[in-house]
Protein backbone atom coordinates (compact mmCIF):
# COMPACT_ATOMS: atom_id res chain seq x y z
CA UNK A 1 -76.17 4.70 -116.52
CA UNK A 2 -73.31 5.67 -114.50
CA UNK A 3 -70.07 6.49 -116.22
CA UNK A 4 -68.17 4.66 -113.88
CA UNK A 5 -69.94 1.05 -114.84
CA UNK A 6 -69.75 -0.21 -118.38
CA UNK A 7 -72.32 -1.99 -120.34
CA UNK A 8 -71.00 -5.36 -119.62
CA UNK A 9 -70.82 -4.67 -115.94
CA UNK A 10 -74.49 -3.91 -115.75
CA UNK A 11 -74.95 -7.19 -117.95
CA UNK A 12 -72.84 -9.37 -115.46
CA UNK A 13 -75.11 -7.59 -112.53
CA UNK A 14 -78.30 -8.88 -114.23
CA UNK A 15 -76.74 -12.23 -115.11
CA UNK A 16 -75.93 -12.66 -111.65
CA UNK A 17 -79.45 -12.06 -110.40
CA UNK A 18 -80.61 -14.39 -112.56
CA UNK A 19 -78.71 -17.66 -111.77
CA UNK A 20 -79.43 -16.37 -107.68
CA UNK A 21 -82.76 -17.18 -108.64
CA UNK A 22 -82.22 -20.48 -110.38
CA UNK A 23 -80.73 -21.94 -106.90
CA UNK A 24 -79.41 -25.49 -108.17
CA UNK A 25 -78.75 -25.91 -111.82
CA UNK A 26 -76.68 -28.51 -114.38
CA UNK A 27 -74.83 -26.50 -116.91
CA UNK A 28 -73.77 -27.91 -120.33
CA UNK A 29 -70.29 -27.26 -120.31
CA UNK A 30 -68.41 -27.79 -123.26
CA UNK A 31 -65.02 -25.73 -122.24
CA UNK A 32 -65.88 -22.78 -124.80
CA UNK A 33 -65.99 -19.26 -123.98
CA UNK A 34 -69.81 -19.09 -123.06
CA UNK A 35 -70.02 -22.34 -120.87
CA UNK A 36 -66.50 -21.52 -119.04
CA UNK A 37 -67.90 -17.64 -118.53
CA UNK A 38 -71.03 -19.19 -117.09
CA UNK A 39 -69.56 -21.85 -114.95
CA UNK A 40 -67.57 -19.34 -113.31
CA UNK A 41 -70.43 -17.14 -112.67
CA UNK A 42 -72.92 -19.52 -111.35
CA UNK A 43 -70.11 -21.58 -109.31
CA UNK A 44 -69.46 -17.86 -107.59
CA UNK A 45 -72.92 -17.08 -107.31
CA UNK A 46 -74.75 -20.57 -106.10
CA UNK A 47 -72.03 -22.16 -104.63
CA UNK A 48 -69.95 -25.67 -105.56
CA UNK A 49 -72.33 -28.00 -104.32
CA UNK A 50 -75.00 -26.14 -106.30
CA UNK A 51 -73.68 -26.23 -109.84
CA UNK A 52 -72.87 -29.14 -112.26
CA UNK A 53 -71.03 -28.97 -115.26
CA UNK A 54 -71.63 -31.89 -117.40
CA UNK A 55 -69.45 -32.65 -120.72
CA UNK A 56 -70.28 -34.81 -123.39
CA UNK A 57 -67.74 -36.66 -124.77
CA UNK A 58 -68.32 -38.18 -128.28
CA UNK A 59 -66.55 -38.54 -131.59
CA UNK A 60 -68.26 -35.76 -132.96
CA UNK A 61 -65.66 -33.63 -130.08
CA UNK A 62 -61.71 -33.35 -130.21
CA UNK A 63 -60.00 -35.04 -127.84
CA UNK A 64 -58.33 -32.52 -126.68
CA UNK A 65 -61.50 -30.28 -126.03
CA UNK A 66 -62.78 -33.02 -123.78
CA UNK A 67 -59.35 -32.87 -121.79
CA UNK A 68 -59.27 -29.07 -121.89
CA UNK A 69 -63.15 -28.60 -120.37
CA UNK A 70 -61.88 -30.77 -117.46
CA UNK A 71 -58.92 -29.18 -116.81
CA UNK A 72 -60.47 -25.46 -116.59
CA UNK A 73 -63.54 -26.67 -114.75
CA UNK A 74 -61.06 -28.30 -112.02
CA UNK A 75 -59.51 -24.51 -111.78
CA UNK A 76 -62.30 -23.01 -111.53
CA UNK A 77 -63.29 -25.32 -109.10
CA UNK A 78 -66.53 -26.82 -110.29
CA UNK A 79 -68.22 -29.89 -109.66
CA UNK A 80 -67.60 -31.56 -113.15
CA UNK A 81 -68.81 -34.70 -114.93
CA UNK A 82 -68.04 -36.10 -118.45
CA UNK A 83 -70.87 -38.30 -120.20
CA UNK A 84 -70.56 -40.50 -123.38
CA UNK A 85 -73.26 -39.34 -125.58
CA UNK A 86 -74.43 -41.21 -128.89
CA UNK A 87 -75.38 -39.23 -131.39
CA UNK A 88 -74.06 -41.68 -134.26
CA UNK A 89 -76.74 -44.37 -133.03
CA UNK A 90 -79.25 -42.21 -134.30
CA UNK A 91 -79.92 -42.52 -138.03
CA UNK A 92 -81.70 -39.03 -137.85
CA UNK A 93 -78.27 -37.17 -137.03
CA UNK A 94 -76.14 -39.85 -139.07
CA UNK A 95 -78.09 -38.64 -142.04
CA UNK A 96 -76.86 -34.66 -141.94
CA UNK A 97 -79.92 -32.88 -142.74
CA UNK A 98 -80.09 -29.32 -141.86
CA UNK A 99 -81.71 -30.47 -138.69
CA UNK A 100 -78.67 -32.44 -137.43
CA UNK A 101 -78.24 -29.67 -134.49
CA UNK A 102 -81.72 -30.74 -133.37
CA UNK A 103 -80.86 -34.23 -133.01
CA UNK A 104 -77.50 -33.61 -131.26
CA UNK A 105 -79.05 -31.31 -128.55
CA UNK A 106 -82.04 -33.77 -128.08
CA UNK A 107 -79.53 -36.24 -127.24
CA UNK A 108 -77.43 -34.19 -124.77
CA UNK A 109 -80.68 -32.66 -123.30
CA UNK A 110 -82.49 -36.12 -122.64
CA UNK A 111 -79.13 -36.94 -120.88
CA UNK A 112 -78.89 -33.95 -118.67
CA UNK A 113 -82.34 -34.15 -117.65
CA UNK A 114 -81.94 -37.77 -116.40
CA UNK A 115 -79.29 -36.55 -114.42
CA UNK A 116 -80.58 -33.02 -113.09
CA UNK A 117 -84.00 -34.87 -112.07
CA UNK A 118 -81.63 -37.65 -110.07
CA UNK A 119 -79.30 -35.34 -108.37
CA UNK A 120 -82.21 -33.04 -107.42
CA UNK A 121 -80.78 -29.97 -109.68
CA UNK A 122 -83.81 -27.36 -111.00
CA UNK A 123 -82.67 -26.17 -113.88
CA UNK A 124 -80.24 -27.06 -117.00
CA UNK A 125 -78.51 -24.42 -118.65
CA UNK A 126 -76.70 -23.76 -121.64
CA UNK A 127 -74.01 -21.15 -123.15
CA UNK A 128 -76.43 -19.67 -125.51
CA UNK A 129 -75.34 -15.94 -126.04
CA UNK A 130 -77.32 -13.21 -127.16
CA UNK A 131 -75.55 -12.95 -130.54
CA UNK A 132 -76.37 -16.62 -131.46
CA UNK A 133 -80.07 -15.65 -132.59
CA UNK A 134 -78.23 -14.18 -135.80
CA UNK A 135 -77.18 -17.67 -136.91
CA UNK A 136 -78.66 -20.68 -137.99
CA UNK A 137 -79.18 -22.90 -135.48
CA UNK A 138 -82.06 -25.88 -135.17
CA UNK A 139 -80.85 -26.65 -132.02
CA UNK A 140 -82.89 -23.97 -130.34
CA UNK A 141 -86.15 -25.97 -131.05
CA UNK A 142 -84.64 -28.57 -128.63
CA UNK A 143 -83.45 -25.73 -126.09
CA UNK A 144 -87.16 -24.60 -126.16
CA UNK A 145 -88.70 -28.41 -126.04
CA UNK A 146 -86.54 -29.58 -122.89
CA UNK A 147 -87.03 -25.94 -121.42
CA UNK A 148 -83.00 -25.07 -121.24
CA UNK A 149 -82.43 -21.83 -119.56
CA UNK A 150 -80.15 -19.85 -121.43
CA UNK A 151 -78.70 -16.83 -119.03
CA UNK A 152 -76.42 -15.15 -120.87
CA UNK A 153 -78.90 -14.59 -123.69
CA UNK A 154 -81.56 -13.66 -120.81
CA UNK A 155 -79.10 -11.15 -119.81
CA UNK A 156 -78.53 -9.96 -123.27
CA UNK A 157 -74.54 -10.68 -122.99
CA UNK A 158 -72.98 -10.43 -126.42
CA UNK A 159 -69.81 -12.80 -127.45
CA UNK A 160 -67.68 -9.89 -127.15
CA UNK A 161 -68.89 -8.86 -124.04
CA UNK A 162 -68.42 -12.10 -122.56
CA UNK A 163 -64.59 -12.15 -123.76
CA UNK A 164 -64.34 -8.75 -121.54
CA UNK A 165 -65.38 -10.07 -118.72
CA UNK A 166 -63.72 -13.34 -118.96
CA UNK A 167 -60.48 -11.65 -119.28
CA UNK A 168 -61.14 -9.52 -116.17
CA UNK A 169 -61.73 -12.86 -114.34
CA UNK A 170 -58.63 -14.11 -115.83
CA UNK A 171 -60.52 -16.83 -117.24
CA UNK A 172 -57.90 -18.86 -119.74
CA UNK A 173 -61.22 -19.24 -122.83
CA UNK A 174 -61.40 -15.30 -123.11
CA UNK A 175 -59.75 -15.41 -126.43
CA UNK A 176 -60.11 -18.98 -127.28
CA UNK A 177 -61.60 -19.27 -130.88
CA UNK A 178 -65.04 -20.33 -131.46
CA UNK A 179 -65.55 -24.04 -131.50
CA UNK A 180 -68.17 -26.28 -133.36
CA UNK A 181 -68.64 -29.86 -133.45
CA UNK A 182 -66.81 -31.69 -136.02
CA UNK A 183 -70.14 -32.63 -138.10
CA UNK A 184 -70.19 -29.24 -138.74
CA UNK A 185 -67.27 -30.16 -141.60
CA UNK A 186 -69.83 -32.17 -143.76
CA UNK A 187 -72.21 -30.72 -146.30
CA UNK A 188 -75.58 -31.59 -145.81
CA UNK A 189 -76.65 -34.86 -146.83
CA UNK A 190 -73.40 -36.42 -146.72
CA UNK A 191 -73.57 -39.43 -144.06
CA UNK A 192 -71.20 -38.83 -140.94
CA UNK A 193 -69.14 -41.61 -140.03
CA UNK A 194 -66.97 -42.17 -137.26
CA UNK A 195 -64.20 -42.85 -139.98
CA UNK A 196 -64.31 -39.37 -141.53
CA UNK A 197 -65.01 -37.63 -137.90
CA UNK A 198 -61.51 -38.59 -137.09
CA UNK A 199 -60.14 -37.83 -140.47
CA UNK A 200 -61.25 -34.20 -140.19
CA UNK A 201 -60.06 -34.07 -136.77
CA UNK A 202 -56.30 -35.29 -137.58
CA UNK A 203 -56.38 -33.09 -140.68
CA UNK A 204 -57.33 -30.06 -138.32
CA UNK A 205 -54.65 -31.31 -135.49
CA UNK A 206 -51.86 -31.32 -137.97
CA UNK A 207 -52.65 -27.64 -139.12
CA UNK A 208 -52.58 -26.19 -135.96
CA UNK A 209 -48.69 -27.19 -135.57
CA UNK A 210 -48.01 -24.77 -138.02
CA UNK A 211 -49.20 -21.90 -135.41
CA UNK A 212 -52.78 -22.00 -136.98
CA UNK A 213 -55.81 -21.63 -134.68
CA UNK A 214 -58.96 -20.81 -136.31
CA UNK A 215 -59.23 -23.55 -138.77
CA UNK A 216 -61.95 -25.44 -140.32
CA UNK A 217 -61.27 -28.42 -142.91
CA UNK A 218 -64.38 -28.98 -144.77
CA UNK A 219 -64.86 -32.95 -146.37
CA UNK A 220 -66.10 -33.08 -149.57
CA UNK A 221 -65.47 -36.77 -149.87
CA UNK A 222 -61.94 -36.97 -151.68
CA UNK A 223 -61.55 -33.25 -151.56
CA UNK A 224 -60.55 -31.20 -148.21
CA UNK A 225 -61.15 -28.03 -148.29
CA UNK A 226 -59.33 -25.79 -145.73
CA UNK A 227 -60.34 -22.77 -144.42
CA UNK A 228 -58.44 -20.46 -142.27
CA UNK A 229 -57.84 -16.86 -141.74
CA UNK A 230 -56.83 -14.63 -144.98
CA UNK A 231 -53.72 -13.78 -142.94
CA UNK A 232 -52.50 -17.29 -142.24
CA UNK A 233 -53.07 -18.22 -145.93
CA UNK A 234 -49.23 -17.62 -146.34
CA UNK A 235 -48.59 -20.28 -143.99
CA UNK A 236 -50.62 -22.81 -145.67
CA UNK A 237 -48.79 -22.35 -148.78
CA UNK A 238 -45.36 -22.07 -147.05
CA UNK A 239 -46.20 -25.90 -145.92
CA UNK A 240 -48.08 -27.00 -149.10
CA UNK A 241 -45.88 -29.86 -149.52
CA UNK A 242 -45.97 -31.21 -145.52
CA UNK A 243 -49.94 -30.63 -145.42
CA UNK A 244 -50.60 -32.32 -149.15
CA UNK A 245 -48.74 -35.11 -148.22
CA UNK A 246 -50.33 -35.57 -144.58
CA UNK A 247 -53.66 -35.34 -146.00
CA UNK A 248 -53.13 -37.82 -148.89
CA UNK A 249 -52.07 -40.31 -146.20
CA UNK A 250 -54.98 -39.57 -144.17
CA UNK A 251 -57.00 -40.55 -147.76
CA UNK A 252 -58.09 -37.34 -149.32
CA UNK A 253 -57.27 -37.52 -152.90
CA UNK A 254 -57.26 -33.51 -153.60
CA UNK A 255 -56.53 -30.75 -150.95
CA UNK A 256 -57.66 -27.09 -151.75
CA UNK A 257 -57.70 -23.88 -149.52
CA UNK A 258 -60.82 -21.86 -150.00
CA UNK A 259 -59.76 -18.38 -150.70
CA UNK A 260 -63.00 -17.04 -149.34
CA UNK A 261 -61.15 -17.88 -146.24
CA UNK A 262 -62.29 -19.14 -142.68
CA UNK A 263 -65.99 -18.20 -141.88
CA UNK A 264 -68.02 -19.99 -139.24
CA UNK A 265 -71.04 -21.79 -140.43
CA UNK A 266 -69.92 -22.06 -144.43
CA UNK A 267 -71.90 -25.06 -145.06
CA UNK A 268 -75.09 -23.37 -144.05
CA UNK A 269 -74.30 -20.73 -147.13
CA UNK A 270 -76.10 -23.71 -149.63
CA UNK A 271 -79.52 -23.11 -147.58
C-alpha cells in the first residue's frame, strides 16, 4: 500500500466501486454517521436522480432526528422521502422479545422494497459497517431475507474510518453520537407503548439541556436508570434536584444513575 494513501482512503475507493455497480439505489437513511456518509458518497458517484434516501418516521424515533435527517439530506443535495412506519401495530414487536429489531427491520424493508420496485430502483442499501458484526443485531436476519446491500461493510469500513472520512467531507455528522431507536430503552419482555416511548424521549431531551450528548434513560417501570459517560456524572449530580423533579413529573417514582456509565446495548447484557 503506497504511503501517501491511508487505509480508509483505499476503502473509500472500494466503496465507490461497489456503488458504481449498483447504479440505482434506495438508502435506508436515519441521519446518523453511517447512513449520512453512505448517502453522500452514493449521491456523488451515482448522481441525484439515481439515489433516494428514505427515513422512517415512527414513535420509536425522536422527532428531532427526523428533522435533522431532512436537513442534512437537503444539504447533501439528495432526494429524500419520509415515510410513516407502523412498528407498534406489530404485536411481535410490541412484546419486545430479543428479536424485536428483526420485526422492526422487516417493517422498514417491506416498505422500502415496494417503493424501490415502484420507482425502478435496483437495490436497497443500509448503513451497516464492519464493526457492527461484533454487536448483537437480530435485524441482520431481515437484511439477509430482503437481500439488502451493505456497502460500508462490504468495503470493510469501520466506524472510526467513517468518522475520519466524514470529517474530511465536512459532513456535520462526523462526530455525532451513535443513535439507537427508543425501543432499546426497555428491558426485553416489557411491552412497548407509545406513552412510555414518549416518556423516555422527554426524559432524554431534558438531560440534553445540561450539555450531555451521550445519554440513555433505561425504563424499568417506575424506575428511570440514567446512563451517561463517567465524565458527565458530575453534571447529573449538580442538577440532581431539577432532574428528579422533571422525571417525577413524567411519572417516574425513582431516579437512578448507573455507576457503570453509558454503554451501547446495555439491555443486551442479560442475554
